[in-house]
């Protein structure tokens, strides 16, 4: 196995992918959309924004990060229990997607969603 350097990500399995990312905080980095507060879609929105701005993604095979478990937040409880909260965030996300697609189009997408292929009765993902 190659644990040196970086491995480029050719495609994402879903537009709902939420990888942990490290990027330089400069004029090229998009700002978080303040419509996404509390719980729901904030990381998904940010990753989509990076994709539409043409950012490329890579894996650092010799590195790791730990997500420390924490108690369920009040925001997540509301997201799960109150339909109007979920619908409000979903509306923000749909508006964001329309806006970003109109603004950037798909010409800059460096990392696309994987195409699904069927092979010998199994579902496989390809680039």
Protein backbone atom coordinates (compact mmCIF):
# COMPACT_ATOMS: atom_id res chain seq x y z
CA UNK A 1 0.00 0.00 0.00
CA UNK A 2 1.09 3.54 -0.74
CA UNK A 3 1.08 5.64 2.43
CA UNK A 4 3.11 8.45 0.90
CA UNK A 5 1.64 11.61 -0.54
CA UNK A 6 -2.02 12.05 -1.32
CA UNK A 7 -4.60 10.01 -3.20
CA UNK A 8 -7.00 12.03 -5.36
CA UNK A 9 -10.73 11.49 -4.87
CA UNK A 10 -12.19 10.76 -8.31
CA UNK A 11 -15.86 10.88 -7.35
CA UNK A 12 -18.24 11.04 -4.40
CA UNK A 13 -20.82 8.30 -3.84
CA UNK A 14 -23.45 10.90 -2.97
CA UNK A 15 -24.10 14.65 -2.90
CA UNK A 16 -24.75 14.13 0.81
CA UNK A 17 -21.13 13.17 1.51
CA UNK A 18 -19.61 14.94 4.53
CA UNK A 19 -15.86 14.32 4.60
CA UNK A 20 -13.69 16.15 7.07
CA UNK A 21 -11.65 18.64 5.08
CA UNK A 22 -8.68 20.89 5.70
CA UNK A 23 -8.44 23.96 3.51
CA UNK A 24 -6.56 27.21 3.61
CA UNK A 25 -8.59 30.08 5.06
CA UNK A 26 -8.10 32.62 2.30
CA UNK A 27 -10.09 34.53 -0.33
CA UNK A 28 -10.70 31.32 -2.33
CA UNK A 29 -12.38 29.47 0.54
CA UNK A 30 -16.16 29.92 0.53
CA UNK A 31 -17.70 31.21 3.72
CA UNK A 32 -20.26 29.15 5.58
CA UNK A 33 -23.84 30.02 4.69
CA UNK A 34 -25.35 31.50 7.84
CA UNK A 35 -28.80 30.15 6.94
CA UNK A 36 -27.52 26.80 8.22
CA UNK A 37 -27.47 27.22 11.96
CA UNK A 38 -27.94 24.59 14.59
CA UNK A 39 -28.23 21.12 13.05
CA UNK A 40 -28.66 19.93 9.51
CA UNK A 41 -27.03 20.26 6.09
CA UNK A 42 -24.27 22.69 7.12
CA UNK A 43 -21.40 20.35 6.22
CA UNK A 44 -23.23 19.00 3.16
CA UNK A 45 -23.78 22.57 1.95
CA UNK A 46 -20.13 23.47 2.47
CA UNK A 47 -18.80 20.42 0.61
CA UNK A 48 -21.16 21.15 -2.29
CA UNK A 49 -19.94 24.75 -2.36
CA UNK A 50 -16.33 23.55 -2.53
CA UNK A 51 -17.23 21.18 -5.39
CA UNK A 52 -18.96 23.89 -7.43
CA UNK A 53 -16.03 26.27 -6.90
CA UNK A 54 -13.73 23.64 -8.43
CA UNK A 55 -11.93 22.41 -5.33
CA UNK A 56 -10.31 19.01 -5.66
CA UNK A 57 -10.36 16.48 -2.83
CA UNK A 58 -7.62 14.09 -1.78
CA UNK A 59 -7.12 11.45 0.87
CA UNK A 60 -4.13 11.52 3.19
CA UNK A 61 -3.65 7.75 3.65
CA UNK A 62 -1.16 7.98 6.52
CA UNK A 63 -3.18 10.51 8.53
CA UNK A 64 -6.29 10.20 10.66
CA UNK A 65 -8.72 12.31 12.63
CA UNK A 66 -10.88 11.34 15.57
CA UNK A 67 -14.49 12.42 15.97
CA UNK A 68 -15.14 12.47 19.68
CA UNK A 69 -18.73 11.42 20.48
CA UNK A 70 -20.81 14.04 22.25
CA UNK A 71 -24.34 14.19 23.67
CA UNK A 72 -27.17 14.89 21.21
CA UNK A 73 -27.65 18.65 20.92
CA UNK A 74 -30.94 20.49 21.35
CA UNK A 75 -30.71 21.45 17.66
CA UNK A 76 -30.48 17.82 16.57
CA UNK A 77 -33.40 16.85 18.81
CA UNK A 78 -35.50 19.58 17.17
CA UNK A 79 -34.37 18.42 13.71
CA UNK A 80 -35.52 14.89 14.47
CA UNK A 81 -38.72 15.73 16.33
CA UNK A 82 -40.12 18.86 14.68
CA UNK A 83 -41.04 18.51 11.01
CA UNK A 84 -41.09 22.28 10.40
CA UNK A 85 -37.44 22.60 11.50
CA UNK A 86 -36.42 19.84 9.09
CA UNK A 87 -38.47 21.41 6.28
CA UNK A 88 -36.97 24.86 6.91
CA UNK A 89 -33.40 23.56 6.63
CA UNK A 90 -34.30 21.48 3.56
CA UNK A 91 -35.71 24.67 1.99
CA UNK A 92 -32.48 26.56 2.72
CA UNK A 93 -30.50 23.72 1.14
CA UNK A 94 -32.64 23.60 -2.00
CA UNK A 95 -32.34 27.39 -2.38
CA UNK A 96 -28.58 27.15 -1.91
CA UNK A 97 -28.28 24.41 -4.55
CA UNK A 98 -30.27 26.42 -7.09
CA UNK A 99 -28.20 29.53 -6.38
CA UNK A 100 -24.82 27.78 -6.57
CA UNK A 101 -25.70 25.87 -9.75
CA UNK A 102 -26.87 29.09 -11.38
CA UNK A 103 -23.78 30.97 -10.21
CA UNK A 104 -21.13 28.37 -11.08
CA UNK A 105 -22.76 25.84 -13.42
CA UNK A 106 -21.09 22.45 -13.62
CA UNK A 107 -18.03 23.45 -15.65
CA UNK A 108 -15.79 23.70 -12.56
CA UNK A 109 -16.86 20.48 -10.85
CA UNK A 110 -13.55 18.74 -10.21
CA UNK A 111 -15.16 15.94 -8.21
CA UNK A 112 -18.41 14.59 -9.60
CA UNK A 113 -20.85 12.07 -8.21
CA UNK A 114 -19.89 8.50 -9.14
CA UNK A 115 -21.91 6.87 -11.90
CA UNK A 116 -23.65 3.68 -10.92
CA UNK A 117 -23.10 0.61 -13.09
CA UNK A 118 -24.56 -2.83 -12.85
CA UNK A 119 -22.17 -5.72 -13.29
CA UNK A 120 -23.13 -9.35 -12.85
CA UNK A 121 -26.19 -8.47 -10.78
CA UNK A 122 -24.28 -6.25 -8.36
CA UNK A 123 -24.34 -2.49 -8.09
CA UNK A 124 -20.90 -0.96 -8.50
CA UNK A 125 -19.71 2.62 -8.42
CA UNK A 126 -17.34 3.94 -11.06
CA UNK A 127 -15.82 7.27 -11.91
